[in-house]
Protein backbone atom coordinates (compact mmCIF):
# COMPACT_ATOMS: atom_id res chain seq x y z
CA MET A 1 76.49 65.97 199.46
CA ARG A 2 73.91 65.37 196.85
CA GLY A 3 71.94 68.06 195.08
CA THR A 4 68.75 67.39 197.04
CA ALA A 5 70.49 67.83 200.39
CA GLU A 6 72.25 71.01 199.36
CA SER A 7 69.08 72.64 198.06
CA SER A 8 66.95 71.86 201.14
CA PRO A 9 65.66 74.98 202.90
CA GLY A 10 67.70 75.79 205.99
CA PHE A 11 70.43 73.27 205.17
CA LYS A 12 73.75 74.73 206.27
CA PRO A 13 76.57 72.21 206.52
CA MET A 14 78.92 73.03 209.35
CA ARG A 15 81.71 70.98 207.85
CA THR A 16 82.25 68.84 204.82
CA VAL A 17 83.78 65.39 205.27
CA VAL A 18 85.43 64.05 202.11
CA CYS A 19 86.16 60.36 201.68
CA GLY A 20 89.89 60.03 201.11
CA LYS A 21 89.41 56.98 198.87
CA CYS A 22 86.64 58.03 196.46
CA GLY A 23 86.09 61.74 197.10
CA GLN A 24 82.40 61.50 198.04
CA ARG A 25 81.38 64.45 200.22
CA PHE A 26 79.15 64.56 203.29
CA GLY A 27 77.89 67.64 205.12
CA ILE A 28 77.81 67.64 208.92
CA ARG A 29 75.34 70.08 210.47
CA ASP A 30 75.62 71.59 213.93
CA ALA A 31 72.92 73.53 215.74
CA GLU A 32 75.51 75.95 217.09
CA PRO A 33 77.03 78.72 214.95
CA VAL A 34 80.59 77.58 215.78
CA PRO A 35 81.96 74.03 215.61
CA SER A 36 81.20 72.19 218.84
CA PRO A 37 83.22 69.38 220.45
CA LEU A 38 80.33 67.03 219.64
CA ALA A 39 80.53 67.94 215.94
CA GLU A 40 84.29 67.29 215.95
CA LYS A 41 83.69 63.79 217.35
CA GLN A 42 80.95 63.17 214.79
CA ILE A 43 83.29 64.20 211.97
CA ALA A 44 85.88 61.70 213.19
CA TRP A 45 83.19 59.01 213.43
CA VAL A 46 81.93 59.65 209.88
CA THR A 47 85.50 59.56 208.57
CA ASP A 48 85.98 56.15 210.22
CA GLN A 49 82.71 54.91 208.71
CA LEU A 50 83.81 55.96 205.21
CA VAL A 51 87.06 54.04 205.61
CA TRP A 52 85.15 51.02 206.90
CA ASP A 53 82.81 51.12 203.88
CA HIS A 54 85.82 50.72 201.58
CA ILE A 55 87.32 47.94 203.71
CA GLN A 56 83.98 46.10 203.46
CA GLU A 57 83.79 46.93 199.72
CA ARG A 58 80.36 48.54 199.99
CA LYS A 59 79.00 51.83 198.72
CA HIS A 60 78.57 54.79 201.04
CA GLN A 61 75.04 55.46 202.21
CA GLY A 62 73.33 58.65 201.05
CA THR A 63 72.80 59.68 204.67
CA ILE A 64 74.38 58.46 207.87
CA GLU A 65 72.63 58.57 211.23
CA LEU A 66 75.06 60.20 213.62
CA PRO A 67 75.45 58.71 217.09
CA SER A 68 75.07 60.85 220.20
CA ILE A 69 78.72 60.77 221.18
CA ALA A 70 79.25 62.25 224.63
């Protein structure tokens, strides 16, 4: 979570995903006031992407487009 994202009006991260390898943090937003099943799947997906970035020896992106996981 970079300073620009945190200071955006209306930005309320539902959860924070932390890369286990480097400690970089990402906020996951949800439109609902409580964590939804969709958000839980998106968190798992982002976590997998962070691991994959390290396997591929590439830097994490500043933002990640979340898939519509059903």
